[in-house]
């Protein structure tokens, strides 16, 4: 064997390291492309890691004049940050949007480790006392960030 040759065990080690790096890269890309984790009204205990983005999807009917808000007491901003929301209309057969009920996706980012409560309120005027409005609905979540 010449001094410039790589030994068989060194080749095996380099191959293992290359495969591990490739698997990590593929996992990272797939994780980013697959989008945030989606939770529903029944998922009252949510555990995520710092830096994770997630969505809470709630039933919505824009025609009834009500909307979803993050209600008081607001979550600890050092633990959780709202990043946006988006309407998702109900789909009829064939994938076409149908009138009436759909859903609303409320997006969040886990900022730092900790625990906070998140209260979502569906209301018409959404002013003080909105929880007592006819048709108002509240959802409560406990968010734990590791």
Protein backbone atom coordinates (compact mmCIF):
# COMPACT_ATOMS: atom_id res chain seq x y z
CA UNK A 1 0.00 0.00 0.00
CA UNK A 2 1.32 3.43 -0.86
CA UNK A 3 1.45 6.15 1.78
CA UNK A 4 -1.26 8.15 -0.04
CA UNK A 5 -3.81 5.34 0.03
CA UNK A 6 -6.72 5.41 2.44
CA UNK A 7 -7.10 2.34 4.61
CA UNK A 8 -10.23 0.24 4.41
CA UNK A 9 -11.37 1.27 7.91
CA UNK A 10 -10.85 4.95 7.07
CA UNK A 11 -12.96 4.55 3.92
CA UNK A 12 -15.72 2.92 5.93
CA UNK A 13 -15.62 5.75 8.48
CA UNK A 14 -15.76 8.41 5.75
CA UNK A 15 -18.69 6.59 4.12
CA UNK A 16 -20.60 6.38 7.42
CA UNK A 17 -20.03 10.09 8.10
CA UNK A 18 -21.13 11.02 4.56
CA UNK A 19 -24.31 8.93 4.84
CA UNK A 20 -25.10 10.42 8.26
CA UNK A 21 -24.62 13.96 6.92
CA UNK A 22 -26.87 13.17 3.95
CA UNK A 23 -29.60 11.76 6.21
CA UNK A 24 -29.46 14.86 8.43
CA UNK A 25 -29.72 17.12 5.37
CA UNK A 26 -32.69 15.16 3.96
CA UNK A 27 -34.47 15.21 7.34
CA UNK A 28 -33.95 18.97 7.63
CA UNK A 29 -35.32 19.64 4.14
CA UNK A 30 -38.33 17.36 4.62
CA UNK A 31 -39.09 18.96 8.00
CA UNK A 32 -39.04 22.43 6.48
CA UNK A 33 -41.15 21.45 3.46
CA UNK A 34 -43.76 19.53 5.42
CA UNK A 35 -44.98 22.70 7.15
CA UNK A 36 -45.93 23.36 10.73
CA UNK A 37 -47.72 20.90 12.99
CA UNK A 38 -51.50 21.49 12.95
CA UNK A 39 -53.62 21.20 16.11
CA UNK A 40 -57.39 21.39 16.53
CA UNK A 41 -59.85 22.57 19.19
CA UNK A 42 -59.55 19.29 21.09
CA UNK A 43 -55.75 19.54 21.45
CA UNK A 44 -55.81 21.51 24.69
CA UNK A 45 -52.29 20.47 25.78
CA UNK A 46 -49.69 21.37 23.13
CA UNK A 47 -45.97 20.60 23.52
CA UNK A 48 -43.47 22.07 21.06
CA UNK A 49 -39.78 22.95 20.96
CA UNK A 50 -38.35 26.47 20.96
CA UNK A 51 -38.24 27.75 17.39
CA UNK A 52 -41.09 25.50 16.20
CA UNK A 53 -43.96 26.98 14.25
CA UNK A 54 -47.41 25.46 14.62
CA UNK A 55 -51.00 26.11 13.63
CA UNK A 56 -54.26 25.84 15.52
CA UNK A 57 -57.11 25.23 13.07
CA UNK A 58 -60.58 26.17 14.28
CA UNK A 59 -64.01 25.91 12.61
CA UNK A 60 -65.10 29.18 11.05
CA UNK A 61 -68.06 30.58 9.13
CA UNK A 62 -67.24 34.10 7.92
CA UNK A 63 -70.87 34.62 6.87
CA UNK A 64 -72.07 34.76 10.49
CA UNK A 65 -70.07 37.93 11.24
CA UNK A 66 -67.96 36.40 14.00
CA UNK A 67 -64.19 36.07 14.09
CA UNK A 68 -61.48 34.38 16.14
CA UNK A 69 -59.11 36.47 18.29
CA UNK A 70 -56.35 35.78 20.82
CA UNK A 71 -58.17 36.85 23.99
CA UNK A 72 -57.09 38.08 27.40
CA UNK A 73 -55.24 36.99 29.33
CA UNK A 74 -52.80 37.03 26.42
CA UNK A 75 -50.04 34.39 26.28
CA UNK A 76 -46.56 35.22 27.60
CA UNK A 77 -44.74 36.87 24.65
CA UNK A 78 -41.42 35.45 25.90
CA UNK A 79 -42.84 31.95 25.27
CA UNK A 80 -45.31 32.27 22.36
CA UNK A 81 -45.78 34.67 19.47
CA UNK A 82 -48.71 34.87 17.04
CA UNK A 83 -47.42 34.97 13.45
CA UNK A 84 -50.61 35.26 11.40
CA UNK A 85 -53.86 33.67 10.34
CA UNK A 86 -55.50 32.42 7.20
CA UNK A 87 -59.01 31.41 6.19
CA UNK A 88 -59.45 27.94 4.74
CA UNK A 89 -62.84 27.60 3.03
CA UNK A 90 -64.68 24.29 3.18
CA UNK A 91 -64.19 22.12 0.10
CA UNK A 92 -67.02 20.52 -1.81
CA UNK A 93 -66.73 17.46 -4.02
CA UNK A 94 -64.05 17.96 -6.64
CA UNK A 95 -61.96 20.20 -4.40
CA UNK A 96 -63.95 23.35 -5.21
CA UNK A 97 -64.58 25.82 -2.35
CA UNK A 98 -68.11 25.59 -0.99
CA UNK A 99 -70.08 28.39 0.62
CA UNK A 100 -70.53 28.36 4.36
CA UNK A 101 -68.44 26.69 6.99
CA UNK A 102 -64.71 26.43 6.61
CA UNK A 103 -61.86 26.82 9.03
CA UNK A 104 -59.38 29.43 10.18
CA UNK A 105 -55.71 28.63 10.70
CA UNK A 106 -54.05 30.66 13.48
CA UNK A 107 -50.25 30.48 13.26
CA UNK A 108 -47.82 30.67 16.19
CA UNK A 109 -44.10 30.43 16.91
CA UNK A 110 -42.64 28.93 20.08
CA UNK A 111 -40.10 31.57 21.15
CA UNK A 112 -38.35 30.32 24.33
CA UNK A 113 -38.80 27.42 26.75
CA UNK A 114 -41.63 27.91 29.22
CA UNK A 115 -45.34 27.40 29.68
CA UNK A 116 -48.19 29.73 28.84
CA UNK A 117 -51.93 29.67 28.37
CA UNK A 118 -53.57 30.63 25.10
CA UNK A 119 -57.23 31.61 24.95
CA UNK A 120 -58.99 31.93 21.60
CA UNK A 121 -62.35 33.65 21.48
CA UNK A 122 -64.90 33.62 18.66
CA UNK A 123 -66.93 36.80 18.92
CA UNK A 124 -68.80 39.40 16.88
CA UNK A 125 -67.72 42.73 18.42
CA UNK A 126 -64.76 41.33 20.36
CA UNK A 127 -64.81 44.20 22.87
CA UNK A 128 -64.75 43.99 26.66
CA UNK A 129 -67.25 41.34 27.74
CA UNK A 130 -67.17 39.63 24.34
CA UNK A 131 -67.11 36.20 25.99
CA UNK A 132 -70.69 36.89 27.15
CA UNK A 133 -71.99 37.75 23.65
CA UNK A 134 -74.63 35.40 22.23
CA UNK A 135 -72.86 32.77 20.14
CA UNK A 136 -69.41 33.53 21.56
CA UNK A 137 -67.12 30.54 21.98
CA UNK A 138 -63.85 30.24 23.89
CA UNK A 139 -61.09 27.66 23.44
CA UNK A 140 -58.28 27.30 25.99
CA UNK A 141 -54.87 25.76 25.33
CA UNK A 142 -51.86 25.10 27.57
CA UNK A 143 -48.68 25.56 25.51
CA UNK A 144 -45.44 24.03 26.79
CA UNK A 145 -42.23 24.97 25.00
CA UNK A 146 -39.20 22.73 25.65
